[in-house]
Amino acid sequence: MSIAKTSVQVAVAEGATSELTRLLTQFITKYRQNNKQHPLGNHVNNNLLDISNPEYYKPRGRPSKRLKSSTEENNTPSTSSFSKTCSYCQEKGHNIRGCKKQKIDSTDKENNNRSLYAKIATRELLDLNQI
C-alpha cells in the first residue's frame, strides 16, 4: 500500500493525477477481463472518483504509550550517564534534596532561630516581672 500512497503523492505534487487515474483505470479493466469479476466487489459502481478516504475521528481518552524500537532505545542516553549538579553547593552527584550541606545549614538556622526566640521570650518575661 505504500507504493500506492507514494504514487498518489507524486502525482498530486507533479500535477499528473489524470495520468495516474488513467493507469489505474486500465489496470482495473484488465483485471476485470482476466478474472471476470470486480476487484473491489460487485456493489461498487464504475465511477472510481467517488471513492474517498475514511473520515478521521479523535479517539476518546488518553493516547496509548508509544513503544520505542530497539534502535531508539540504544541511541538514547540513560539517566545514569547524566551527572546531577547541586544548586546549593555546586557539587556533582546529587541535587539540593540530597545535599548534606544544605540539610546541616538549615538545621543550624532553625536552631539559631529557636534560640533567638527563646532569648526574646525570656527578655519579655523579665520585663513583665520588673513592672
N, C-alpha and C. Protein backbone atom coordinates (compact mmCIF):
# COMPACT_ATOMS: atom_id res chain seq x y z
N MET A 1 0.81 -1.20 0.00
CA MET A 1 0.00 0.00 0.00
C MET A 1 0.85 1.26 0.00
N SER A 2 2.09 1.16 0.45
CA SER A 2 2.92 2.36 0.47
C SER A 2 3.27 2.82 -0.94
N ILE A 3 3.34 1.90 -1.88
CA ILE A 3 3.61 2.28 -3.27
C ILE A 3 2.46 3.10 -3.82
N ALA A 4 1.24 2.69 -3.52
CA ALA A 4 0.07 3.43 -3.98
C ALA A 4 0.03 4.82 -3.36
N LYS A 5 0.31 4.90 -2.07
CA LYS A 5 0.30 6.20 -1.41
C LYS A 5 1.37 7.13 -1.98
N THR A 6 2.55 6.58 -2.19
CA THR A 6 3.65 7.38 -2.75
C THR A 6 3.32 7.84 -4.16
N SER A 7 2.74 6.95 -4.95
CA SER A 7 2.41 7.33 -6.33
C SER A 7 1.33 8.41 -6.36
N VAL A 8 0.37 8.35 -5.45
CA VAL A 8 -0.65 9.40 -5.38
C VAL A 8 -0.02 10.72 -4.97
N GLN A 9 0.88 10.70 -3.99
CA GLN A 9 1.54 11.93 -3.56
C GLN A 9 2.37 12.55 -4.67
N VAL A 10 3.10 11.72 -5.41
CA VAL A 10 3.92 12.22 -6.52
C VAL A 10 3.02 12.78 -7.61
N ALA A 11 1.92 12.09 -7.92
CA ALA A 11 1.01 12.55 -8.97
C ALA A 11 0.39 13.89 -8.61
N VAL A 12 0.02 14.07 -7.36
CA VAL A 12 -0.57 15.35 -6.93
C VAL A 12 0.48 16.45 -6.97
N ALA A 13 1.70 16.14 -6.52
CA ALA A 13 2.77 17.14 -6.50
C ALA A 13 3.17 17.57 -7.90
N GLU A 14 3.18 16.63 -8.84
CA GLU A 14 3.61 16.93 -10.21
C GLU A 14 2.45 17.35 -11.10
N GLY A 15 1.23 17.29 -10.61
CA GLY A 15 0.07 17.68 -11.42
C GLY A 15 -0.29 16.64 -12.47
N ALA A 16 -0.01 15.37 -12.20
CA ALA A 16 -0.27 14.31 -13.18
C ALA A 16 -1.33 13.34 -12.64
N THR A 17 -2.36 13.87 -12.01
CA THR A 17 -3.39 12.99 -11.44
C THR A 17 -4.20 12.31 -12.53
N SER A 18 -4.42 12.99 -13.64
CA SER A 18 -5.21 12.37 -14.72
C SER A 18 -4.46 11.18 -15.31
N GLU A 19 -3.14 11.27 -15.42
CA GLU A 19 -2.35 10.15 -15.93
C GLU A 19 -2.39 8.96 -14.97
N LEU A 20 -2.30 9.23 -13.67
CA LEU A 20 -2.38 8.16 -12.69
C LEU A 20 -3.77 7.52 -12.70
N THR A 21 -4.81 8.32 -12.82
CA THR A 21 -6.17 7.79 -12.89
C THR A 21 -6.34 6.91 -14.12
N ARG A 22 -5.77 7.34 -15.24
CA ARG A 22 -5.85 6.56 -16.48
C ARG A 22 -5.15 5.21 -16.30
N LEU A 23 -3.95 5.21 -15.70
CA LEU A 23 -3.22 3.96 -15.48
C LEU A 23 -3.97 3.01 -14.56
N LEU A 24 -4.54 3.54 -13.50
CA LEU A 24 -5.29 2.70 -12.57
C LEU A 24 -6.56 2.15 -13.21
N THR A 25 -7.23 2.96 -14.02
CA THR A 25 -8.43 2.50 -14.71
C THR A 25 -8.09 1.38 -15.68
N GLN A 26 -6.98 1.52 -16.41
CA GLN A 26 -6.55 0.45 -17.32
C GLN A 26 -6.24 -0.82 -16.55
N PHE A 27 -5.61 -0.70 -15.41
CA PHE A 27 -5.29 -1.88 -14.61
C PHE A 27 -6.56 -2.58 -14.14
N ILE A 28 -7.53 -1.82 -13.66
CA ILE A 28 -8.77 -2.40 -13.16
C ILE A 28 -9.54 -3.08 -14.28
N THR A 29 -9.64 -2.45 -15.45
CA THR A 29 -10.37 -3.08 -16.57
C THR A 29 -9.66 -4.34 -17.03
N LYS A 30 -8.34 -4.35 -17.04
CA LYS A 30 -7.58 -5.55 -17.41
C LYS A 30 -7.84 -6.65 -16.39
N TYR A 31 -7.87 -6.31 -15.10
CA TYR A 31 -8.12 -7.30 -14.05
C TYR A 31 -9.53 -7.88 -14.18
N ARG A 32 -10.51 -7.01 -14.47
CA ARG A 32 -11.88 -7.47 -14.63
C ARG A 32 -12.00 -8.46 -15.80
N GLN A 33 -11.32 -8.15 -16.90
CA GLN A 33 -11.41 -9.02 -18.08
C GLN A 33 -10.76 -10.37 -17.81
N ASN A 34 -9.67 -10.41 -17.07
CA ASN A 34 -8.97 -11.67 -16.79
C ASN A 34 -9.73 -12.52 -15.77
N ASN A 35 -10.32 -11.91 -14.77
CA ASN A 35 -10.95 -12.68 -13.69
C ASN A 35 -12.47 -12.68 -13.75
N LYS A 36 -13.04 -11.93 -14.65
CA LYS A 36 -14.50 -11.84 -14.83
C LYS A 36 -15.22 -11.37 -13.57
N GLN A 37 -14.56 -10.60 -12.75
CA GLN A 37 -15.20 -10.04 -11.56
C GLN A 37 -14.58 -8.69 -11.24
N HIS A 38 -15.26 -7.95 -10.41
CA HIS A 38 -14.79 -6.63 -10.00
C HIS A 38 -13.81 -6.81 -8.83
N PRO A 39 -12.62 -6.19 -8.87
CA PRO A 39 -11.65 -6.39 -7.80
C PRO A 39 -12.10 -5.85 -6.45
N LEU A 40 -12.98 -4.86 -6.46
CA LEU A 40 -13.43 -4.27 -5.20
C LEU A 40 -14.79 -4.80 -4.77
N GLY A 41 -15.35 -5.72 -5.49
CA GLY A 41 -16.67 -6.27 -5.16
C GLY A 41 -17.70 -5.79 -6.16
N ASN A 42 -18.86 -6.41 -6.17
CA ASN A 42 -19.90 -6.07 -7.14
C ASN A 42 -20.73 -4.87 -6.73
N HIS A 43 -20.69 -4.49 -5.49
CA HIS A 43 -21.53 -3.40 -5.01
C HIS A 43 -20.98 -2.02 -5.35
N VAL A 44 -19.78 -1.92 -5.88
CA VAL A 44 -19.16 -0.64 -6.21
C VAL A 44 -19.51 -0.27 -7.64
N ASN A 45 -19.92 0.99 -7.84
CA ASN A 45 -20.24 1.40 -9.21
C ASN A 45 -18.98 1.70 -10.00
N ASN A 46 -19.11 1.94 -11.27
CA ASN A 46 -17.96 2.08 -12.16
C ASN A 46 -17.24 3.41 -12.03
N ASN A 47 -17.80 4.37 -11.35
CA ASN A 47 -17.17 5.67 -11.21
C ASN A 47 -16.15 5.60 -10.08
N LEU A 48 -14.86 5.59 -10.42
CA LEU A 48 -13.80 5.44 -9.43
C LEU A 48 -13.53 6.72 -8.64
N LEU A 49 -14.00 7.85 -9.12
CA LEU A 49 -13.73 9.11 -8.44
C LEU A 49 -14.58 9.29 -7.19
N ASP A 50 -15.59 8.44 -6.98
CA ASP A 50 -16.44 8.55 -5.80
C ASP A 50 -15.78 7.96 -4.56
N ILE A 51 -14.70 7.21 -4.72
CA ILE A 51 -14.03 6.60 -3.58
C ILE A 51 -13.29 7.69 -2.82
N SER A 52 -13.50 7.74 -1.51
CA SER A 52 -12.81 8.75 -0.71
C SER A 52 -12.19 8.08 0.51
N ASN A 53 -11.31 8.80 1.16
CA ASN A 53 -10.68 8.29 2.37
C ASN A 53 -11.70 8.24 3.50
N PRO A 54 -11.53 7.31 4.43
CA PRO A 54 -12.45 7.29 5.57
C PRO A 54 -12.23 8.51 6.45
N GLU A 55 -13.30 8.93 7.12
CA GLU A 55 -13.21 10.10 7.97
C GLU A 55 -12.42 9.77 9.22
N TYR A 56 -11.59 10.71 9.65
CA TYR A 56 -10.79 10.53 10.85
C TYR A 56 -11.60 10.99 12.05
N TYR A 57 -11.56 10.25 13.12
CA TYR A 57 -12.20 10.67 14.36
C TYR A 57 -11.17 10.60 15.47
N LYS A 58 -11.30 11.49 16.43
CA LYS A 58 -10.37 11.53 17.55
C LYS A 58 -10.82 10.52 18.58
N PRO A 59 -9.97 9.54 18.92
CA PRO A 59 -10.38 8.55 19.92
C PRO A 59 -10.49 9.17 21.30
N ARG A 60 -11.35 8.60 22.13
CA ARG A 60 -11.56 9.11 23.47
C ARG A 60 -10.45 8.64 24.40
N GLY A 61 -10.19 9.41 25.42
CA GLY A 61 -9.26 9.00 26.47
C GLY A 61 -7.82 9.36 26.16
N ARG A 62 -6.98 8.91 27.06
CA ARG A 62 -5.55 9.18 26.94
C ARG A 62 -4.95 8.31 25.84
N PRO A 63 -4.05 8.87 25.03
CA PRO A 63 -3.43 8.06 23.98
C PRO A 63 -2.56 6.96 24.57
N SER A 64 -2.47 5.86 23.86
CA SER A 64 -1.66 4.75 24.36
C SER A 64 -0.19 5.10 24.29
N LYS A 65 0.60 4.46 25.14
CA LYS A 65 2.03 4.74 25.20
C LYS A 65 2.70 4.16 23.97
N ARG A 66 3.55 4.97 23.34
CA ARG A 66 4.26 4.51 22.15
C ARG A 66 5.49 3.74 22.60
N LEU A 67 5.61 2.51 22.12
CA LEU A 67 6.76 1.70 22.47
C LEU A 67 7.94 2.06 21.58
N LYS A 68 9.12 2.17 22.16
CA LYS A 68 10.31 2.52 21.39
C LYS A 68 10.89 1.28 20.76
N SER A 69 11.43 1.45 19.55
CA SER A 69 12.09 0.33 18.89
C SER A 69 13.46 0.13 19.53
N SER A 70 14.08 -0.99 19.21
CA SER A 70 15.37 -1.29 19.83
C SER A 70 16.45 -0.30 19.40
N THR A 71 16.35 0.24 18.19
CA THR A 71 17.35 1.22 17.75
C THR A 71 17.20 2.53 18.51
N GLU A 72 15.96 2.93 18.82
CA GLU A 72 15.76 4.16 19.59
C GLU A 72 16.26 3.99 21.02
N GLU A 73 16.04 2.81 21.60
CA GLU A 73 16.48 2.56 22.97
C GLU A 73 18.00 2.58 23.06
N ASN A 74 18.68 2.08 22.03
CA ASN A 74 20.14 2.04 22.06
C ASN A 74 20.74 3.43 21.85
N ASN A 75 20.04 4.30 21.12
CA ASN A 75 20.58 5.63 20.82
C ASN A 75 20.36 6.64 21.93
N THR A 76 19.34 6.43 22.77
CA THR A 76 19.07 7.41 23.83
C THR A 76 19.98 7.17 25.02
N PRO A 77 20.61 8.22 25.54
CA PRO A 77 21.49 8.04 26.71
C PRO A 77 20.66 7.74 27.95
N SER A 78 21.17 6.91 28.80
CA SER A 78 20.45 6.55 30.02
C SER A 78 20.59 7.66 31.05
N THR A 79 19.70 7.66 32.04
CA THR A 79 19.74 8.71 33.06
C THR A 79 20.95 8.57 33.97
N SER A 80 21.54 7.36 34.05
CA SER A 80 22.70 7.19 34.91
C SER A 80 23.95 7.87 34.33
N SER A 81 23.95 8.12 33.01
CA SER A 81 25.11 8.76 32.41
C SER A 81 25.11 10.27 32.67
N PHE A 82 23.95 10.85 33.02
CA PHE A 82 23.90 12.27 33.34
C PHE A 82 24.33 12.46 34.79
N SER A 83 25.17 13.46 35.04
CA SER A 83 25.56 13.73 36.42
C SER A 83 24.73 14.90 36.92
N LYS A 84 24.18 14.74 38.09
CA LYS A 84 23.38 15.80 38.70
C LYS A 84 24.33 16.81 39.34
N THR A 85 23.95 18.06 39.31
CA THR A 85 24.73 19.11 39.96
C THR A 85 23.83 19.80 40.97
N CYS A 86 24.30 19.89 42.18
CA CYS A 86 23.54 20.51 43.26
C CYS A 86 23.51 22.02 43.06
N SER A 87 22.33 22.61 43.20
CA SER A 87 22.22 24.06 43.04
C SER A 87 22.62 24.79 44.32
N TYR A 88 22.79 24.07 45.43
CA TYR A 88 23.17 24.70 46.70
C TYR A 88 24.69 24.77 46.85
N CYS A 89 25.37 23.61 46.65
CA CYS A 89 26.82 23.58 46.88
C CYS A 89 27.62 23.43 45.58
N GLN A 90 26.94 23.29 44.45
CA GLN A 90 27.55 23.18 43.13
C GLN A 90 28.41 21.92 42.95
N GLU A 91 28.21 20.92 43.79
CA GLU A 91 28.94 19.66 43.64
C GLU A 91 28.13 18.71 42.77
N LYS A 92 28.83 17.82 42.09
CA LYS A 92 28.16 16.87 41.21
C LYS A 92 27.85 15.59 41.97
N GLY A 93 26.81 14.88 41.51
CA GLY A 93 26.46 13.60 42.08
C GLY A 93 25.19 13.63 42.90
N HIS A 94 24.67 14.80 43.23
CA HIS A 94 23.42 14.89 43.97
C HIS A 94 22.74 16.20 43.62
N ASN A 95 21.47 16.33 44.05
CA ASN A 95 20.77 17.59 43.87
C ASN A 95 20.50 18.20 45.25
N ILE A 96 19.77 19.30 45.29
CA ILE A 96 19.59 20.02 46.55
C ILE A 96 18.79 19.21 47.56
N ARG A 97 17.93 18.30 47.08
CA ARG A 97 17.15 17.49 48.02
C ARG A 97 18.02 16.52 48.79
N GLY A 98 19.14 16.10 48.19
CA GLY A 98 20.03 15.18 48.87
C GLY A 98 21.32 15.83 49.37
N CYS A 99 21.36 17.14 49.39
CA CYS A 99 22.58 17.86 49.77
C CYS A 99 22.75 17.85 51.29
N LYS A 100 23.88 17.32 51.75
CA LYS A 100 24.15 17.25 53.19
C LYS A 100 24.44 18.64 53.75
N LYS A 101 25.17 19.47 52.99
CA LYS A 101 25.48 20.82 53.47
C LYS A 101 24.22 21.64 53.67
N GLN A 102 23.28 21.51 52.75
CA GLN A 102 22.04 22.27 52.85
C GLN A 102 21.24 21.82 54.06
N LYS A 103 21.22 20.51 54.33
CA LYS A 103 20.49 19.99 55.49
C LYS A 103 21.12 20.48 56.79
N ILE A 104 22.45 20.46 56.85
CA ILE A 104 23.15 20.91 58.05
C ILE A 104 22.90 22.41 58.27
N ASP A 105 23.02 23.20 57.18
CA ASP A 105 22.80 24.63 57.30
C ASP A 105 21.36 24.96 57.70
N SER A 106 20.40 24.21 57.17
CA SER A 106 19.01 24.52 57.50
C SER A 106 18.70 24.14 58.95
N THR A 107 19.28 23.04 59.46
CA THR A 107 19.06 22.70 60.88
C THR A 107 19.75 23.70 61.79
N ASP A 108 20.95 24.17 61.41
CA ASP A 108 21.63 25.19 62.20
C ASP A 108 20.82 26.48 62.23
N LYS A 109 20.24 26.84 61.11
CA LYS A 109 19.44 28.05 61.02
C LYS A 109 18.21 27.94 61.92
N GLU A 110 17.57 26.74 61.89
CA GLU A 110 16.40 26.55 62.74
C GLU A 110 16.78 26.64 64.22
N ASN A 111 17.93 26.04 64.58
CA ASN A 111 18.38 26.11 65.97
C ASN A 111 18.68 27.54 66.39
N ASN A 112 19.30 28.30 65.52
CA ASN A 112 19.59 29.70 65.82
C ASN A 112 18.30 30.49 66.00
N ASN A 113 17.31 30.21 65.13
CA ASN A 113 16.03 30.92 65.25
C ASN A 113 15.34 30.55 66.56
N ARG A 114 15.42 29.29 66.96
CA ARG A 114 14.80 28.87 68.21
C ARG A 114 15.48 29.53 69.41
N SER A 115 16.79 29.58 69.37
CA SER A 115 17.50 30.21 70.49
C SER A 115 17.22 31.71 70.52
N LEU A 116 17.08 32.33 69.35
CA LEU A 116 16.76 33.75 69.29
C LEU A 116 15.38 34.00 69.87
N TYR A 117 14.40 33.16 69.47
CA TYR A 117 13.05 33.30 70.01
C TYR A 117 13.04 33.06 71.52
N ALA A 118 13.86 32.14 71.97
CA ALA A 118 13.93 31.86 73.42
C ALA A 118 14.49 33.08 74.16
N LYS A 119 15.53 33.72 73.59
CA LYS A 119 16.11 34.91 74.22
C LYS A 119 15.10 36.04 74.27
N ILE A 120 14.35 36.22 73.20
CA ILE A 120 13.35 37.29 73.16
C ILE A 120 12.26 37.01 74.19
N ALA A 121 11.84 35.77 74.28
CA ALA A 121 10.79 35.41 75.23
C ALA A 121 11.25 35.62 76.67
N THR A 122 12.49 35.28 76.99
CA THR A 122 12.99 35.48 78.36
C THR A 122 13.11 36.96 78.67
N ARG A 123 13.52 37.78 77.71
CA ARG A 123 13.59 39.23 77.94
C ARG A 123 12.22 39.81 78.24
N GLU A 124 11.22 39.34 77.45
CA GLU A 124 9.87 39.84 77.67
C GLU A 124 9.36 39.43 79.05
N LEU A 125 9.69 38.20 79.47
CA LEU A 125 9.28 37.77 80.79
C LEU A 125 9.96 38.59 81.89
N LEU A 126 11.24 38.89 81.67
CA LEU A 126 11.96 39.72 82.64
C LEU A 126 11.37 41.12 82.70
N ASP A 127 11.03 41.65 81.54
CA ASP A 127 10.43 42.99 81.52
C ASP A 127 9.08 42.99 82.22
N LEU A 128 8.30 41.93 82.03
CA LEU A 128 6.99 41.86 82.69
C LEU A 128 7.15 41.71 84.19
N ASN A 129 8.18 40.99 84.62
CA ASN A 129 8.42 40.82 86.06
C ASN A 129 8.86 42.12 86.72
N GLN A 130 9.54 42.97 85.99
CA GLN A 130 10.03 44.22 86.55
C GLN A 130 8.88 45.23 86.72
N ILE A 131 7.84 45.06 86.00
CA ILE A 131 6.74 46.03 86.09
C ILE A 131 5.91 45.81 87.29
